[in-house]
Amino acid sequence: MLVCFACSWPVSIAKALKTKVVIGKSPVFMIIIIAGYVFGILHKLIYNNDWVVFLYLFNLLIVSFDLFLYFKYIGRNRRELASSKNAQ
């Protein structure tokens, strides 16, 4: 699961960087995923410290970057959507 997520989030990031469109993404969902990774890391560090903690950390970083891109582009996306509705 961690490896599949580690492969899928970069696709989402690449799309956001290329199109600069983030409408349709859920920041609440991303925050819940980030919290899950934080708790996964804490669990690994406390009870079973092994190399998997690096997968959790990597996934945490890419989801956090995707969330950053969301907040970077959402204002612009909303303004463009509002102006296109006004033009109709």
C-alpha atoms as a PDB file:
ATOM      1  CA  MET A   1       0.000   0.000   0.000  1.00  0.00           C
ATOM      2  CA  LEU A   2       2.729   2.468   0.932  1.00  0.00           C
ATOM      3  CA  VAL A   3       4.609   1.784  -2.301  1.00  0.00           C
ATOM      4  CA  CYS A   4       1.443   2.219  -4.404  1.00  0.00           C
ATOM      5  CA  PHE A   5       0.673   5.510  -2.669  1.00  0.00           C
ATOM      6  CA  ALA A   6       4.276   6.586  -3.179  1.00  0.00           C
ATOM      7  CA  CYS A   7       3.754   6.027  -6.916  1.00  0.00           C
ATOM      8  CA  SER A   8       0.338   7.669  -7.208  1.00  0.00           C
ATOM      9  CA  TRP A   9       0.880  10.948  -5.342  1.00  0.00           C
ATOM     10  CA  PRO A  10       3.670  12.126  -7.683  1.00  0.00           C
ATOM     11  CA  VAL A  11       1.216  11.716 -10.583  1.00  0.00           C
ATOM     12  CA  SER A  12      -1.199  14.047  -8.788  1.00  0.00           C
ATOM     13  CA  ILE A  13       1.614  16.512  -8.105  1.00  0.00           C
ATOM     14  CA  ALA A  14       2.826  16.435 -11.720  1.00  0.00           C
ATOM     15  CA  LYS A  15      -0.699  17.141 -12.961  1.00  0.00           C
ATOM     16  CA  ALA A  16      -1.091  20.067 -10.546  1.00  0.00           C
ATOM     17  CA  LEU A  17       2.279  21.518 -11.548  1.00  0.00           C
ATOM     18  CA  LYS A  18       1.537  21.145 -15.259  1.00  0.00           C
ATOM     19  CA  THR A  19      -2.069  22.392 -15.326  1.00  0.00           C
ATOM     20  CA  LYS A  20      -2.099  24.527 -12.157  1.00  0.00           C
ATOM     21  CA  VAL A  21      -5.657  23.235 -11.630  1.00  0.00           C
ATOM     22  CA  VAL A  22      -6.508  21.833  -8.207  1.00  0.00           C
ATOM     23  CA  ILE A  23     -10.283  22.152  -8.196  1.00  0.00           C
ATOM     24  CA  GLY A  24     -11.678  18.753  -7.345  1.00  0.00           C
ATOM     25  CA  LYS A  25      -8.972  17.914  -4.838  1.00  0.00           C
ATOM     26  CA  SER A  26     -10.007  17.662  -1.214  1.00  0.00           C
ATOM     27  CA  PRO A  27      -7.728  19.376   1.307  1.00  0.00           C
ATOM     28  CA  VAL A  28      -9.606  17.677   4.152  1.00  0.00           C
ATOM     29  CA  PHE A  29      -8.837  14.275   2.614  1.00  0.00           C
ATOM     30  CA  MET A  30      -5.166  15.172   2.242  1.00  0.00           C
ATOM     31  CA  ILE A  31      -4.994  16.381   5.858  1.00  0.00           C
ATOM     32  CA  ILE A  32      -6.525  13.099   7.052  1.00  0.00           C
ATOM     33  CA  ILE A  33      -3.965  11.155   4.980  1.00  0.00           C
ATOM     34  CA  ILE A  34      -1.146  13.280   6.449  1.00  0.00           C
ATOM     35  CA  ALA A  35      -2.428  12.602   9.974  1.00  0.00           C
ATOM     36  CA  GLY A  36      -2.489   8.882   9.186  1.00  0.00           C
ATOM     37  CA  TYR A  37       1.137   9.000   8.063  1.00  0.00           C
ATOM     38  CA  VAL A  38       2.142  10.942  11.182  1.00  0.00           C
ATOM     39  CA  PHE A  39       0.487   8.326  13.406  1.00  0.00           C
ATOM     40  CA  GLY A  40       2.053   5.539  11.329  1.00  0.00           C
ATOM     41  CA  ILE A  41       5.486   7.090  11.809  1.00  0.00           C
ATOM     42  CA  LEU A  42       4.920   7.501  15.546  1.00  0.00           C
ATOM     43  CA  HIS A  43       3.768   3.905  15.858  1.00  0.00           C
ATOM     44  CA  LYS A  44       6.818   2.646  13.964  1.00  0.00           C
ATOM     45  CA  LEU A  45       9.197   4.758  16.044  1.00  0.00           C
ATOM     46  CA  ILE A  46       7.663   3.674  19.346  1.00  0.00           C
ATOM     47  CA  TYR A  47       6.845   0.000  18.768  1.00  0.00           C
ATOM     48  CA  ASN A  48       8.618  -1.347  15.698  1.00  0.00           C
ATOM     49  CA  ASN A  49      11.336   0.930  14.380  1.00  0.00           C
ATOM     50  CA  ASP A  50      12.358  -0.383  10.964  1.00  0.00           C
ATOM     51  CA  TRP A  51      12.967   0.818   7.399  1.00  0.00           C
ATOM     52  CA  VAL A  52       9.228   1.171   6.666  1.00  0.00           C
ATOM     53  CA  VAL A  53       9.268   4.439   8.613  1.00  0.00           C
ATOM     54  CA  PHE A  54      11.069   5.931   5.595  1.00  0.00           C
ATOM     55  CA  LEU A  55       8.148   4.987   3.321  1.00  0.00           C
ATOM     56  CA  TYR A  56       5.760   6.693   5.722  1.00  0.00           C
ATOM     57  CA  LEU A  57       8.012   9.750   5.809  1.00  0.00           C
ATOM     58  CA  PHE A  58       8.350   9.885   2.016  1.00  0.00           C
ATOM     59  CA  ASN A  59       4.585   9.618   1.582  1.00  0.00           C
ATOM     60  CA  LEU A  60       4.041  12.254   4.260  1.00  0.00           C
ATOM     61  CA  LEU A  61       6.316  14.646   2.383  1.00  0.00           C
ATOM     62  CA  ILE A  62       4.686  14.152  -1.010  1.00  0.00           C
ATOM     63  CA  VAL A  63       1.136  14.468   0.298  1.00  0.00           C
ATOM     64  CA  SER A  64       2.196  17.593   2.199  1.00  0.00           C
ATOM     65  CA  PHE A  65       3.660  19.014  -1.018  1.00  0.00           C
ATOM     66  CA  ASP A  66       0.413  18.219  -2.860  1.00  0.00           C
ATOM     67  CA  LEU A  67      -1.518  20.030  -0.106  1.00  0.00           C
ATOM     68  CA  PHE A  68       0.859  22.987  -0.447  1.00  0.00           C
ATOM     69  CA  LEU A  69       0.143  23.092  -4.199  1.00  0.00           C
ATOM     70  CA  TYR A  70      -3.577  23.011  -3.476  1.00  0.00           C
ATOM     71  CA  PHE A  71      -3.393  26.129  -1.327  1.00  0.00           C
ATOM     72  CA  LYS A  72      -1.012  27.783  -3.793  1.00  0.00           C
ATOM     73  CA  TYR A  73      -3.344  27.365  -6.797  1.00  0.00           C
ATOM     74  CA  ILE A  74      -6.891  27.246  -5.360  1.00  0.00           C
ATOM     75  CA  GLY A  75      -7.342  31.028  -5.190  1.00  0.00           C
ATOM     76  CA  ARG A  76      -6.348  31.412  -8.815  1.00  0.00           C
ATOM     77  CA  ASN A  77      -8.615  28.524  -9.833  1.00  0.00           C
ATOM     78  CA  ARG A  78     -11.596  30.048  -8.030  1.00  0.00           C
ATOM     79  CA  ARG A  79     -10.998  33.465  -9.634  1.00  0.00           C
ATOM     80  CA  GLU A  80     -10.768  31.902 -13.095  1.00  0.00           C
ATOM     81  CA  LEU A  81     -13.935  29.900 -12.482  1.00  0.00           C
ATOM     82  CA  ALA A  82     -15.795  32.990 -11.271  1.00  0.00           C
ATOM     83  CA  SER A  83     -14.655  35.087 -14.241  1.00  0.00           C
ATOM     84  CA  SER A  84     -15.679  32.369 -16.709  1.00  0.00           C
ATOM     85  CA  LYS A  85     -19.134  32.199 -15.106  1.00  0.00           C
ATOM     86  CA  ASN A  86     -19.460  35.991 -15.311  1.00  0.00           C
ATOM     87  CA  ALA A  87     -18.498  35.967 -18.995  1.00  0.00           C
ATOM     88  CA  GLN A  88     -21.370  33.625 -19.844  1.00  0.00           C
END
